[in-house]
Amino acid sequence: MFAAYVTVTILAAVFTGAAAVIYLIGHEYPKAQADMKGIPRKWVPVLGLLLAAGTAGLLAGFAVQLLGTLAAACLVLYFIGAIIAHLRVGSRDIVGGIVFLAVAAASLTLGLLS
């Protein structure tokens, strides 16, 4: 069970870390997504920092399990919010959010079980 937890958590960290970098470097995709959802562009770096914090928390969870559990739980809430933001404006482009949510939820579940 621990091997599955490590694998899924590293996968979640790679996913969220890559997303954090994209948000923080000022890539056009997160800005366009923010515009579509009616979110001010000044929130894009804040969202990137939240993703980066989640990534760091997932990795810190290997040393202090409570940190990993809290980070995974917060990422689950983050991606639920992202999916709701898409649905609120009528966007059905939620497959990516669902994948990120599933990986974060799997990391949370496996962390609690191991």
PDB file of N, CA and C in Angstrom:
ATOM      1  N   MET A   1       0.824  -1.192   0.000  1.00  0.00           N
ATOM      2  CA  MET A   1       0.000   0.000   0.000  1.00  0.00           C
ATOM      3  C   MET A   1       0.870   1.258   0.000  1.00  0.00           C
ATOM      4  N   PHE A   2       2.010   1.201   0.720  1.00  0.00           N
ATOM      5  CA  PHE A   2       2.881   2.367   0.790  1.00  0.00           C
ATOM      6  C   PHE A   2       3.471   2.702  -0.573  1.00  0.00           C
ATOM      7  N   ALA A   3       3.798   1.677  -1.356  1.00  0.00           N
ATOM      8  CA  ALA A   3       4.355   1.916  -2.693  1.00  0.00           C
ATOM      9  C   ALA A   3       3.344   2.643  -3.583  1.00  0.00           C
ATOM     10  N   ALA A   4       2.078   2.266  -3.476  1.00  0.00           N
ATOM     11  CA  ALA A   4       1.025   2.948  -4.244  1.00  0.00           C
ATOM     12  C   ALA A   4       0.902   4.400  -3.798  1.00  0.00           C
ATOM     13  N   TYR A   5       0.962   4.617  -2.495  1.00  0.00           N
ATOM     14  CA  TYR A   5       0.890   5.981  -1.958  1.00  0.00           C
ATOM     15  C   TYR A   5       2.034   6.833  -2.503  1.00  0.00           C
ATOM     16  N   VAL A   6       3.246   6.309  -2.466  1.00  0.00           N
ATOM     17  CA  VAL A   6       4.406   7.066  -2.955  1.00  0.00           C
ATOM     18  C   VAL A   6       4.250   7.371  -4.443  1.00  0.00           C
ATOM     19  N   THR A   7       3.860   6.384  -5.213  1.00  0.00           N
ATOM     20  CA  THR A   7       3.713   6.570  -6.661  1.00  0.00           C
ATOM     21  C   THR A   7       2.658   7.618  -6.989  1.00  0.00           C
ATOM     22  N   VAL A   8       1.495   7.488  -6.384  1.00  0.00           N
ATOM     23  CA  VAL A   8       0.403   8.421  -6.676  1.00  0.00           C
ATOM     24  C   VAL A   8       0.734   9.819  -6.168  1.00  0.00           C
ATOM     25  N   THR A   9       1.365   9.916  -5.028  1.00  0.00           N
ATOM     26  CA  THR A   9       1.706  11.225  -4.484  1.00  0.00           C
ATOM     27  C   THR A   9       2.755  11.918  -5.335  1.00  0.00           C
ATOM     28  N   ILE A  10       3.725  11.185  -5.815  1.00  0.00           N
ATOM     29  CA  ILE A  10       4.714  11.788  -6.718  1.00  0.00           C
ATOM     30  C   ILE A  10       4.039  12.232  -8.011  1.00  0.00           C
ATOM     31  N   LEU A  11       3.133  11.431  -8.526  1.00  0.00           N
ATOM     32  CA  LEU A  11       2.382  11.815  -9.724  1.00  0.00           C
ATOM     33  C   LEU A  11       1.575  13.091  -9.466  1.00  0.00           C
ATOM     34  N   ALA A  12       0.910  13.162  -8.327  1.00  0.00           N
ATOM     35  CA  ALA A  12       0.138  14.359  -7.974  1.00  0.00           C
ATOM     36  C   ALA A  12       1.059  15.567  -7.847  1.00  0.00           C
ATOM     37  N   ALA A  13       2.233  15.380  -7.256  1.00  0.00           N
ATOM     38  CA  ALA A  13       3.179  16.477  -7.109  1.00  0.00           C
ATOM     39  C   ALA A  13       3.689  16.963  -8.467  1.00  0.00           C
ATOM     40  N   VAL A  14       3.918  16.036  -9.380  1.00  0.00           N
ATOM     41  CA  VAL A  14       4.359  16.423 -10.725  1.00  0.00           C
ATOM     42  C   VAL A  14       3.254  17.203 -11.431  1.00  0.00           C
ATOM     43  N   PHE A  15       2.023  16.717 -11.359  1.00  0.00           N
ATOM     44  CA  PHE A  15       0.892  17.407 -12.005  1.00  0.00           C
ATOM     45  C   PHE A  15       0.726  18.815 -11.441  1.00  0.00           C
ATOM     46  N   THR A  16       0.626  18.914 -10.122  1.00  0.00           N
ATOM     47  CA  THR A  16       0.367  20.221  -9.520  1.00  0.00           C
ATOM     48  C   THR A  16       1.584  21.138  -9.632  1.00  0.00           C
ATOM     49  N   GLY A  17       2.776  20.560  -9.571  1.00  0.00           N
ATOM     50  CA  GLY A  17       3.978  21.369  -9.737  1.00  0.00           C
ATOM     51  C   GLY A  17       4.077  21.960 -11.132  1.00  0.00           C
ATOM     52  N   ALA A  18       3.756  21.161 -12.134  1.00  0.00           N
ATOM     53  CA  ALA A  18       3.768  21.665 -13.514  1.00  0.00           C
ATOM     54  C   ALA A  18       2.721  22.761 -13.697  1.00  0.00           C
ATOM     55  N   ALA A  19       1.543  22.560 -13.134  1.00  0.00           N
ATOM     56  CA  ALA A  19       0.496  23.578 -13.223  1.00  0.00           C
ATOM     57  C   ALA A  19       0.935  24.851 -12.501  1.00  0.00           C
ATOM     58  N   ALA A  20       1.582  24.708 -11.348  1.00  0.00           N
ATOM     59  CA  ALA A  20       2.049  25.879 -10.603  1.00  0.00           C
ATOM     60  C   ALA A  20       3.048  26.685 -11.429  1.00  0.00           C
ATOM     61  N   VAL A  21       3.970  25.992 -12.085  1.00  0.00           N
ATOM     62  CA  VAL A  21       4.967  26.685 -12.910  1.00  0.00           C
ATOM     63  C   VAL A  21       4.277  27.439 -14.039  1.00  0.00           C
ATOM     64  N   ILE A  22       3.318  26.805 -14.685  1.00  0.00           N
ATOM     65  CA  ILE A  22       2.600  27.453 -15.786  1.00  0.00           C
ATOM     66  C   ILE A  22       1.875  28.700 -15.299  1.00  0.00           C
ATOM     67  N   TYR A  23       1.279  28.626 -14.129  1.00  0.00           N
ATOM     68  CA  TYR A  23       0.587  29.783 -13.565  1.00  0.00           C
ATOM     69  C   TYR A  23       1.577  30.877 -13.173  1.00  0.00           C
ATOM     70  N   LEU A  24       2.711  30.500 -12.633  1.00  0.00           N
ATOM     71  CA  LEU A  24       3.640  31.486 -12.089  1.00  0.00           C
ATOM     72  C   LEU A  24       4.522  32.156 -13.136  1.00  0.00           C
ATOM     73  N   ILE A  25       4.747  31.519 -14.273  1.00  0.00           N
ATOM     74  CA  ILE A  25       5.610  32.137 -15.291  1.00  0.00           C
ATOM     75  C   ILE A  25       4.835  33.106 -16.177  1.00  0.00           C
ATOM     76  N   GLY A  26       3.548  33.208 -15.982  1.00  0.00           N
ATOM     77  CA  GLY A  26       2.757  34.144 -16.770  1.00  0.00           C
ATOM     78  C   GLY A  26       2.329  33.611 -18.118  1.00  0.00           C
ATOM     79  N   HIS A  27       2.209  32.305 -18.238  1.00  0.00           N
ATOM     80  CA  HIS A  27       1.748  31.688 -19.484  1.00  0.00           C
ATOM     81  C   HIS A  27       0.347  32.200 -19.822  1.00  0.00           C
ATOM     82  N   GLU A  28       0.035  32.236 -21.082  1.00  0.00           N
ATOM     83  CA  GLU A  28      -1.248  32.787 -21.526  1.00  0.00           C
ATOM     84  C   GLU A  28      -2.448  31.901 -21.157  1.00  0.00           C
ATOM     85  N   TYR A  29      -2.268  30.584 -21.064  1.00  0.00           N
ATOM     86  CA  TYR A  29      -3.390  29.681 -20.799  1.00  0.00           C
ATOM     87  C   TYR A  29      -4.117  29.991 -19.482  1.00  0.00           C
ATOM     88  N   PRO A  30      -3.411  30.127 -18.358  1.00  0.00           N
ATOM     89  CA  PRO A  30      -4.148  30.447 -17.126  1.00  0.00           C
ATOM     90  C   PRO A  30      -4.837  31.808 -17.188  1.00  0.00           C
ATOM     91  N   LYS A  31      -4.230  32.747 -17.891  1.00  0.00           N
ATOM     92  CA  LYS A  31      -4.864  34.068 -18.031  1.00  0.00           C
ATOM     93  C   LYS A  31      -6.155  33.968 -18.826  1.00  0.00           C
ATOM     94  N   ALA A  32      -6.123  33.197 -19.904  1.00  0.00           N
ATOM     95  CA  ALA A  32      -7.334  33.006 -20.712  1.00  0.00           C
ATOM     96  C   ALA A  32      -8.411  32.286 -19.910  1.00  0.00           C
ATOM     97  N   GLN A  33      -8.007  31.308 -19.109  1.00  0.00           N
ATOM     98  CA  GLN A  33      -8.961  30.591 -18.262  1.00  0.00           C
ATOM     99  C   GLN A  33      -9.566  31.529 -17.226  1.00  0.00           C
ATOM    100  N   ALA A  34      -8.747  32.393 -16.645  1.00  0.00           N
ATOM    101  CA  ALA A  34      -9.256  33.361 -15.668  1.00  0.00           C
ATOM    102  C   ALA A  34     -10.249  34.309 -16.328  1.00  0.00           C
ATOM    103  N   ASP A  35      -9.928  34.772 -17.530  1.00  0.00           N
ATOM    104  CA  ASP A  35     -10.850  35.659 -18.254  1.00  0.00           C
ATOM    105  C   ASP A  35     -12.175  34.960 -18.529  1.00  0.00           C
ATOM    106  N   MET A  36     -12.114  33.700 -18.945  1.00  0.00           N
ATOM    107  CA  MET A  36     -13.319  32.953 -19.262  1.00  0.00           C
ATOM    108  C   MET A  36     -14.203  32.787 -18.026  1.00  0.00           C
ATOM    109  N   LYS A  37     -13.577  32.597 -16.866  1.00  0.00           N
ATOM    110  CA  LYS A  37     -14.332  32.360 -15.635  1.00  0.00           C
ATOM    111  C   LYS A  37     -14.697  33.642 -14.913  1.00  0.00           C
ATOM    112  N   GLY A  38     -14.244  34.777 -15.422  1.00  0.00           N
ATOM    113  CA  GLY A  38     -14.544  36.045 -14.777  1.00  0.00           C
ATOM    114  C   GLY A  38     -13.711  36.295 -13.530  1.00  0.00           C
ATOM    115  N   ILE A  39     -12.537  35.674 -13.458  1.00  0.00           N
ATOM    116  CA  ILE A  39     -11.643  35.852 -12.318  1.00  0.00           C
ATOM    117  C   ILE A  39     -10.611  36.916 -12.705  1.00  0.00           C
ATOM    118  N   PRO A  40     -10.349  37.884 -11.832  1.00  0.00           N
ATOM    119  CA  PRO A  40      -9.330  38.896 -12.166  1.00  0.00           C
ATOM    120  C   PRO A  40      -7.961  38.254 -12.402  1.00  0.00           C
ATOM    121  N   ARG A  41      -7.241  38.774 -13.375  1.00  0.00           N
ATOM    122  CA  ARG A  41      -5.934  38.202 -13.717  1.00  0.00           C
ATOM    123  C   ARG A  41      -4.938  38.302 -12.566  1.00  0.00           C
ATOM    124  N   LYS A  42      -5.150  39.235 -11.656  1.00  0.00           N
ATOM    125  CA  LYS A  42      -4.218  39.357 -10.531  1.00  0.00           C
ATOM    126  C   LYS A  42      -4.280  38.134  -9.612  1.00  0.00           C
ATOM    127  N   TRP A  43      -5.309  37.305  -9.766  1.00  0.00           N
ATOM    128  CA  TRP A  43      -5.429  36.092  -8.962  1.00  0.00           C
ATOM    129  C   TRP A  43      -4.648  34.921  -9.540  1.00  0.00           C
ATOM    130  N   VAL A  44      -4.213  35.027 -10.788  1.00  0.00           N
ATOM    131  CA  VAL A  44      -3.498  33.914 -11.420  1.00  0.00           C
ATOM    132  C   VAL A  44      -2.220  33.556 -10.652  1.00  0.00           C
ATOM    133  N   PRO A  45      -1.364  34.523 -10.291  1.00  0.00           N
ATOM    134  CA  PRO A  45      -0.186  34.142  -9.501  1.00  0.00           C
ATOM    135  C   PRO A  45      -0.547  33.584  -8.124  1.00  0.00           C
ATOM    136  N   VAL A  46      -1.622  34.065  -7.537  1.00  0.00           N
ATOM    137  CA  VAL A  46      -2.054  33.550  -6.231  1.00  0.00           C
ATOM    138  C   VAL A  46      -2.459  32.084  -6.370  1.00  0.00           C
ATOM    139  N   LEU A  47      -3.197  31.775  -7.422  1.00  0.00           N
ATOM    140  CA  LEU A  47      -3.577  30.381  -7.667  1.00  0.00           C
ATOM    141  C   LEU A  47      -2.342  29.523  -7.919  1.00  0.00           C
ATOM    142  N   GLY A  48      -1.364  30.079  -8.617  1.00  0.00           N
ATOM    143  CA  GLY A  48      -0.110  29.362  -8.833  1.00  0.00           C
ATOM    144  C   GLY A  48       0.626  29.099  -7.530  1.00  0.00           C
ATOM    145  N   LEU A  49       0.607  30.078  -6.629  1.00  0.00           N
ATOM    146  CA  LEU A  49       1.245  29.873  -5.316  1.00  0.00           C
ATOM    147  C   LEU A  49       0.516  28.815  -4.505  1.00  0.00           C
ATOM    148  N   LEU A  50      -0.804  28.772  -4.614  1.00  0.00           N
ATOM    149  CA  LEU A  50      -1.560  27.724  -3.920  1.00  0.00           C
ATOM    150  C   LEU A  50      -1.192  26.344  -4.459  1.00  0.00           C
ATOM    151  N   LEU A  51      -1.060  26.243  -5.767  1.00  0.00           N
ATOM    152  CA  LEU A  51      -0.646  24.966  -6.359  1.00  0.00           C
ATOM    153  C   LEU A  51       0.770  24.602  -5.937  1.00  0.00           C
ATOM    154  N   ALA A  52       1.661  25.589  -5.895  1.00  0.00           N
ATOM    155  CA  ALA A  52       3.037  25.333  -5.467  1.00  0.00           C
ATOM    156  C   ALA A  52       3.078  24.897  -4.002  1.00  0.00           C
ATOM    157  N   ALA A  53       2.274  25.536  -3.176  1.00  0.00           N
ATOM    158  CA  ALA A  53       2.217  25.148  -1.763  1.00  0.00           C
ATOM    159  C   ALA A  53       1.679  23.727  -1.617  1.00  0.00           C
ATOM    160  N   GLY A  54       0.684  23.389  -2.418  1.00  0.00           N
ATOM    161  CA  GLY A  54       0.151  22.028  -2.397  1.00  0.00           C
ATOM    162  C   GLY A  54       1.200  21.011  -2.812  1.00  0.00           C
ATOM    163  N   THR A  55       1.980  21.364  -3.830  1.00  0.00           N
ATOM    164  CA  THR A  55       3.055  20.479  -4.284  1.00  0.00           C
ATOM    165  C   THR A  55       4.087  20.278  -3.180  1.00  0.00           C
ATOM    166  N   ALA A  56       4.504  21.379  -2.577  1.00  0.00           N
ATOM    167  CA  ALA A  56       5.494  21.290  -1.497  1.00  0.00           C
ATOM    168  C   ALA A  56       4.940  20.482  -0.323  1.00  0.00           C
ATOM    169  N   GLY A  57       3.662  20.679  -0.020  1.00  0.00           N
ATOM    170  CA  GLY A  57       3.050  19.931   1.076  1.00  0.00           C
ATOM    171  C   GLY A  57       2.977  18.439   0.803  1.00  0.00           C
ATOM    172  N   LEU A  58       2.662  18.086  -0.440  1.00  0.00           N
ATOM    173  CA  LEU A  58       2.625  16.667  -0.793  1.00  0.00           C
ATOM    174  C   LEU A  58       3.991  16.028  -0.591  1.00  0.00           C
ATOM    175  N   LEU A  59       5.026  16.724  -1.043  1.00  0.00           N
ATOM    176  CA  LEU A  59       6.374  16.176  -0.907  1.00  0.00           C
ATOM    177  C   LEU A  59       6.841  16.180   0.546  1.00  0.00           C
ATOM    178  N   ALA A  60       6.467  17.215   1.299  1.00  0.00           N
ATOM    179  CA  ALA A  60       6.818  17.257   2.726  1.00  0.00           C
ATOM    180  C   ALA A  60       6.102  16.152   3.492  1.00  0.00           C
ATOM    181  N   GLY A  61       5.003  15.672   2.942  1.00  0.00           N
ATOM    182  CA  GLY A  61       4.253  14.602   3.581  1.00  0.00           C
ATOM    183  C   GLY A  61       5.022  13.302   3.696  1.00  0.00           C
ATOM    184  N   PHE A  62       6.075  13.150   2.904  1.00  0.00           N
ATOM    185  CA  PHE A  62       6.908  11.955   3.049  1.00  0.00           C
ATOM    186  C   PHE A  62       7.698  11.998   4.356  1.00  0.00           C
ATOM    187  N   ALA A  63       7.972  13.205   4.846  1.00  0.00           N
ATOM    188  CA  ALA A  63       8.686  13.355   6.114  1.00  0.00           C
ATOM    189  C   ALA A  63       7.721  13.505   7.289  1.00  0.00           C
ATOM    190  N   VAL A  64       6.656  14.300   7.082  1.00  0.00           N
ATOM    191  CA  VAL A  64       5.657  14.538   8.125  1.00  0.00           C
ATOM    192  C   VAL A  64       4.297  14.236   7.510  1.00  0.00           C
ATOM    193  N   GLN A  65       3.755  13.086   7.825  1.00  0.00           N
ATOM    194  CA  GLN A  65       2.558  12.606   7.145  1.00  0.00           C
ATOM    195  C   GLN A  65       1.378  13.575   7.235  1.00  0.00           C
ATOM    196  N   LEU A  66       1.240  14.279   8.341  1.00  0.00           N
ATOM    197  CA  LEU A  66       0.133  15.228   8.500  1.00  0.00           C
ATOM    198  C   LEU A  66       0.186  16.322   7.438  1.00  0.00           C
ATOM    199  N   LEU A  67       1.372  16.791   7.098  1.00  0.00           N
ATOM    200  CA  LEU A  67       1.505  17.813   6.053  1.00  0.00           C
ATOM    201  C   LEU A  67       1.007  17.302   4.704  1.00  0.00           C
ATOM    202  N   GLY A  68       1.368  16.087   4.372  1.00  0.00           N
ATOM    203  CA  GLY A  68       0.911  15.502   3.115  1.00  0.00           C
ATOM    204  C   GLY A  68      -0.595  15.330   3.079  1.00  0.00           C
ATOM    205  N   THR A  69      -1.157  14.912   4.202  1.00  0.00           N
ATOM    206  CA  THR A  69      -2.614  14.740   4.280  1.00  0.00           C
ATOM    207  C   THR A  69      -3.323  16.075   4.121  1.00  0.00           C
ATOM    208  N   LEU A  70      -2.844  17.094   4.818  1.00  0.00           N
ATOM    209  CA  LEU A  70      -3.459  18.417   4.711  1.00  0.00           C
ATOM    210  C   LEU A  70      -3.308  18.995   3.310  1.00  0.00           C
ATOM    211  N   ALA A  71      -2.136  18.818   2.708  1.00  0.00           N
ATOM    212  CA  ALA A  71      -1.910  19.327   1.359  1.00  0.00           C
ATOM    213  C   ALA A  71      -2.832  18.638   0.355  1.00  0.00           C
ATOM    214  N   ALA A  72      -2.947  17.329   0.457  1.00  0.00           N
ATOM    215  CA  ALA A  72      -3.821  16.597  -0.467  1.00  0.00           C
ATOM    216  C   ALA A  72      -5.273  17.022  -0.277  1.00  0.00           C
ATOM    217  N   ALA A  73      -5.696  17.213   0.970  1.00  0.00           N
ATOM    218  CA  ALA A  73      -7.077  17.648   1.229  1.00  0.00           C
ATOM    219  C   ALA A  73      -7.324  19.041   0.647  1.00  0.00           C
ATOM    220  N   CYS A  74      -6.354  19.927   0.814  1.00  0.00           N
ATOM    221  CA  CYS A  74      -6.506  21.275   0.261  1.00  0.00           C
ATOM    222  C   CYS A  74      -6.520  21.260  -1.268  1.00  0.00           C
ATOM    223  N   LEU A  75      -5.704  20.401  -1.874  1.00  0.00           N
ATOM    224  CA  LEU A  75      -5.722  20.292  -3.335  1.00  0.00           C
ATOM    225  C   LEU A  75      -7.052  19.730  -3.832  1.00  0.00           C
ATOM    226  N   VAL A  76      -7.623  18.797  -3.095  1.00  0.00           N
ATOM    227  CA  VAL A  76      -8.950  18.287  -3.462  1.00  0.00           C
ATOM    228  C   VAL A  76      -9.950  19.442  -3.464  1.00  0.00           C
ATOM    229  N   LEU A  77      -9.927  20.263  -2.428  1.00  0.00           N
ATOM    230  CA  LEU A  77     -10.840  21.414  -2.367  1.00  0.00           C
ATOM    231  C   LEU A  77     -10.553  22.409  -3.493  1.00  0.00           C
ATOM    232  N   TYR A  78      -9.283  22.630  -3.795  1.00  0.00           N
ATOM    233  CA  TYR A  78      -8.892  23.538  -4.871  1.00  0.00           C
ATOM    234  C   TYR A  78      -9.486  23.082  -6.203  1.00  0.00           C
ATOM    235  N   PHE A  79      -9.336  21.789  -6.504  1.00  0.00           N
ATOM    236  CA  PHE A  79      -9.811  21.303  -7.796  1.00  0.00           C
ATOM    237  C   PHE A  79     -11.326  21.190  -7.849  1.00  0.00           C
ATOM    238  N   ILE A  80     -11.966  20.950  -6.730  1.00  0.00           N
ATOM    239  CA  ILE A  80     -13.437  21.022  -6.705  1.00  0.00           C
ATOM    240  C   ILE A  80     -13.866  22.440  -7.042  1.00  0.00           C
ATOM    241  N   GLY A  81     -13.194  23.413  -6.457  1.00  0.00           N
ATOM    242  CA  GLY A  81     -13.492  24.810  -6.768  1.00  0.00           C
ATOM    243  C   GLY A  81     -13.247  25.143  -8.229  1.00  0.00           C
ATOM    244  N   ALA A  82     -12.183  24.598  -8.803  1.00  0.00           N
ATOM    245  CA  ALA A  82     -11.884  24.851 -10.215  1.00  0.00           C
ATOM    246  C   ALA A  82     -12.983  24.271 -11.113  1.00  0.00           C
ATOM    247  N   ILE A  83     -13.430  23.076 -10.778  1.00  0.00           N
ATOM    248  CA  ILE A  83     -14.501  22.462 -11.573  1.00  0.00           C
ATOM    249  C   ILE A  83     -15.788  23.267 -11.446  1.00  0.00           C
ATOM    250  N   ILE A  84     -16.104  23.699 -10.239  1.00  0.00           N
ATOM    251  CA  ILE A  84     -17.303  24.520 -10.030  1.00  0.00           C
ATOM    252  C   ILE A  84     -17.199  25.832 -10.809  1.00  0.00           C
ATOM    253  N   ALA A  85     -16.001  26.442 -10.822  1.00  0.00           N
ATOM    254  CA  ALA A  85     -15.809  27.688 -11.570  1.00  0.00           C
ATOM    255  C   ALA A  85     -16.072  27.477 -13.058  1.00  0.00           C
ATOM    256  N   HIS A  86     -15.641  26.337 -13.598  1.00  0.00           N
ATOM    257  CA  HIS A  86     -15.917  26.029 -15.004  1.00  0.00           C
ATOM    258  C   HIS A  86     -17.413  25.860 -15.235  1.00  0.00           C
ATOM    259  N   LEU A  87     -18.053  25.084 -14.393  1.00  0.00           N
ATOM    260  CA  LEU A  87     -19.478  24.812 -14.582  1.00  0.00           C
ATOM    261  C   LEU A  87     -20.328  26.071 -14.404  1.00  0.00           C
ATOM    262  N   ARG A  88     -19.878  26.964 -13.519  1.00  0.00           N
ATOM    263  CA  ARG A  88     -20.624  28.192 -13.242  1.00  0.00           C
ATOM    264  C   ARG A  88     -20.761  29.061 -14.492  1.00  0.00           C
ATOM    265  N   VAL A  89     -19.752  29.055 -15.352  1.00  0.00           N
ATOM    266  CA  VAL A  89     -19.806  29.873 -16.564  1.00  0.00           C
ATOM    267  C   VAL A  89     -20.257  29.074 -17.782  1.00  0.00           C
ATOM    268  N   GLY A  90     -20.664  27.835 -17.567  1.00  0.00           N
ATOM    269  CA  GLY A  90     -21.178  27.024 -18.660  1.00  0.00           C
ATOM    270  C   GLY A  90     -20.120  26.265 -19.436  1.00  0.00           C
ATOM    271  N   SER A  91     -18.889  26.266 -18.967  1.00  0.00           N
ATOM    272  CA  SER A  91     -17.821  25.532 -19.642  1.00  0.00           C
ATOM    273  C   SER A  91     -17.915  24.053 -19.295  1.00  0.00           C
ATOM    274  N   ARG A  92     -17.801  23.226 -20.291  1.00  0.00           N
ATOM    275  CA  ARG A  92     -17.814  21.777 -20.068  1.00  0.00           C
ATOM    276  C   ARG A  92     -16.425  21.184 -20.232  1.00  0.00           C
ATOM    277  N   ASP A  93     -15.422  22.045 -20.266  1.00  0.00           N
ATOM    278  CA  ASP A  93     -14.029  21.622 -20.413  1.00  0.00           C
ATOM    279  C   ASP A  93     -13.454  21.324 -19.024  1.00  0.00           C
ATOM    280  N   ILE A  94     -13.952  20.238 -18.427  1.00  0.00           N
ATOM    281  CA  ILE A  94     -13.580  19.935 -17.042  1.00  0.00           C
ATOM    282  C   ILE A  94     -12.791  18.637 -16.901  1.00  0.00           C
ATOM    283  N   VAL A  95     -12.429  18.025 -18.009  1.00  0.00           N
ATOM    284  CA  VAL A  95     -11.713  16.748 -17.944  1.00  0.00           C
ATOM    285  C   VAL A  95     -10.385  16.917 -17.207  1.00  0.00           C
ATOM    286  N   GLY A  96      -9.650  17.972 -17.514  1.00  0.00           N
ATOM    287  CA  GLY A  96      -8.375  18.209 -16.838  1.00  0.00           C
ATOM    288  C   GLY A  96      -8.555  18.379 -15.339  1.00  0.00           C
ATOM    289  N   GLY A  97      -9.548  19.151 -14.954  1.00  0.00           N
ATOM    290  CA  GLY A  97      -9.826  19.345 -13.531  1.00  0.00           C
ATOM    291  C   GLY A  97     -10.202  18.057 -12.839  1.00  0.00           C
ATOM    292  N   ILE A  98     -10.944  17.210 -13.537  1.00  0.00           N
ATOM    293  CA  ILE A  98     -11.342  15.933 -12.957  1.00  0.00           C
ATOM    294  C   ILE A  98     -10.124  15.024 -12.781  1.00  0.00           C
ATOM    295  N   VAL A  99      -9.210  15.045 -13.741  1.00  0.00           N
ATOM    296  CA  VAL A  99      -7.992  14.233 -13.621  1.00  0.00           C
ATOM    297  C   VAL A  99      -7.154  14.714 -12.443  1.00  0.00           C
ATOM    298  N   PHE A 100      -6.959  16.024 -12.338  1.00  0.00           N
ATOM    299  CA  PHE A 100      -6.200  16.571 -11.214  1.00  0.00           C
ATOM    300  C   PHE A 100      -6.889  16.240  -9.897  1.00  0.00           C
ATOM    301  N   LEU A 101      -8.201  16.378  -9.850  1.00  0.00           N
ATOM    302  CA  LEU A 101      -8.962  16.055  -8.642  1.00  0.00           C
ATOM    303  C   LEU A 101      -8.807  14.585  -8.283  1.00  0.00           C
ATOM    304  N   ALA A 102      -8.895  13.710  -9.264  1.00  0.00           N
ATOM    305  CA  ALA A 102      -8.795  12.273  -9.005  1.00  0.00           C
ATOM    306  C   ALA A 102      -7.423  11.902  -8.449  1.00  0.00           C
ATOM    307  N   VAL A 103      -6.374  12.501  -8.994  1.00  0.00           N
ATOM    308  CA  VAL A 103      -5.029  12.183  -8.512  1.00  0.00           C
ATOM    309  C   VAL A 103      -4.833  12.715  -7.093  1.00  0.00           C
ATOM    310  N   ALA A 104      -5.316  13.931  -6.826  1.00  0.00           N
ATOM    311  CA  ALA A 104      -5.194  14.484  -5.474  1.00  0.00           C
ATOM    312  C   ALA A 104      -6.021  13.668  -4.480  1.00  0.00           C
ATOM    313  N   ALA A 105      -7.225  13.266  -4.888  1.00  0.00           N
ATOM    314  CA  ALA A 105      -8.069  12.449  -4.006  1.00  0.00           C
ATOM    315  C   ALA A 105      -7.448  11.075  -3.760  1.00  0.00           C
ATOM    316  N   ALA A 106      -6.829  10.511  -4.779  1.00  0.00           N
ATOM    317  CA  ALA A 106      -6.158   9.211  -4.606  1.00  0.00           C
ATOM    318  C   ALA A 106      -4.980   9.338  -3.657  1.00  0.00           C
ATOM    319  N   SER A 107      -4.245  10.433  -3.775  1.00  0.00           N
ATOM    320  CA  SER A 107      -3.128  10.661  -2.857  1.00  0.00           C
ATOM    321  C   SER A 107      -3.629  10.807  -1.427  1.00  0.00           C
ATOM    322  N   LEU A 108      -4.699  11.537  -1.258  1.00  0.00           N
ATOM    323  CA  LEU A 108      -5.293  11.708   0.074  1.00  0.00           C
ATOM    324  C   LEU A 108      -5.750  10.381   0.636  1.00  0.00           C
ATOM    325  N   THR A 109      -6.475   9.624  -0.165  1.00  0.00           N
ATOM    326  CA  THR A 109      -7.010   8.334   0.286  1.00  0.00           C
ATOM    327  C   THR A 109      -5.894   7.352   0.644  1.00  0.00           C
ATOM    328  N   LEU A 110      -4.916   7.236  -0.251  1.00  0.00           N
ATOM    329  CA  LEU A 110      -3.815   6.309   0.019  1.00  0.00           C
ATOM    330  C   LEU A 110      -2.971   6.762   1.204  1.00  0.00           C
ATOM    331  N   GLY A 111      -2.836   8.068   1.380  1.00  0.00           N
ATOM    332  CA  GLY A 111      -2.098   8.573   2.536  1.00  0.00           C
ATOM    333  C   GLY A 111      -2.800   8.247   3.839  1.00  0.00           C
ATOM    334  N   LEU A 112      -4.116   8.321   3.823  1.00  0.00           N
ATOM    335  CA  LEU A 112      -4.872   7.987   5.032  1.00  0.00           C
ATOM    336  C   LEU A 112      -4.837   6.491   5.320  1.00  0.00           C
ATOM    337  N   LEU A 113      -4.769   5.696   4.270  1.00  0.00           N
ATOM    338  CA  LEU A 113      -4.773   4.240   4.447  1.00  0.00           C
ATOM    339  C   LEU A 113      -3.399   3.663   4.792  1.00  0.00           C
ATOM    340  N   SER A 114      -2.340   4.381   4.458  1.00  0.00           N
ATOM    341  CA  SER A 114      -0.999   3.808   4.703  1.00  0.00           C
ATOM    342  C   SER A 114      -0.407   4.267   6.022  1.00  0.00           C
TER     343      SER A 114
END
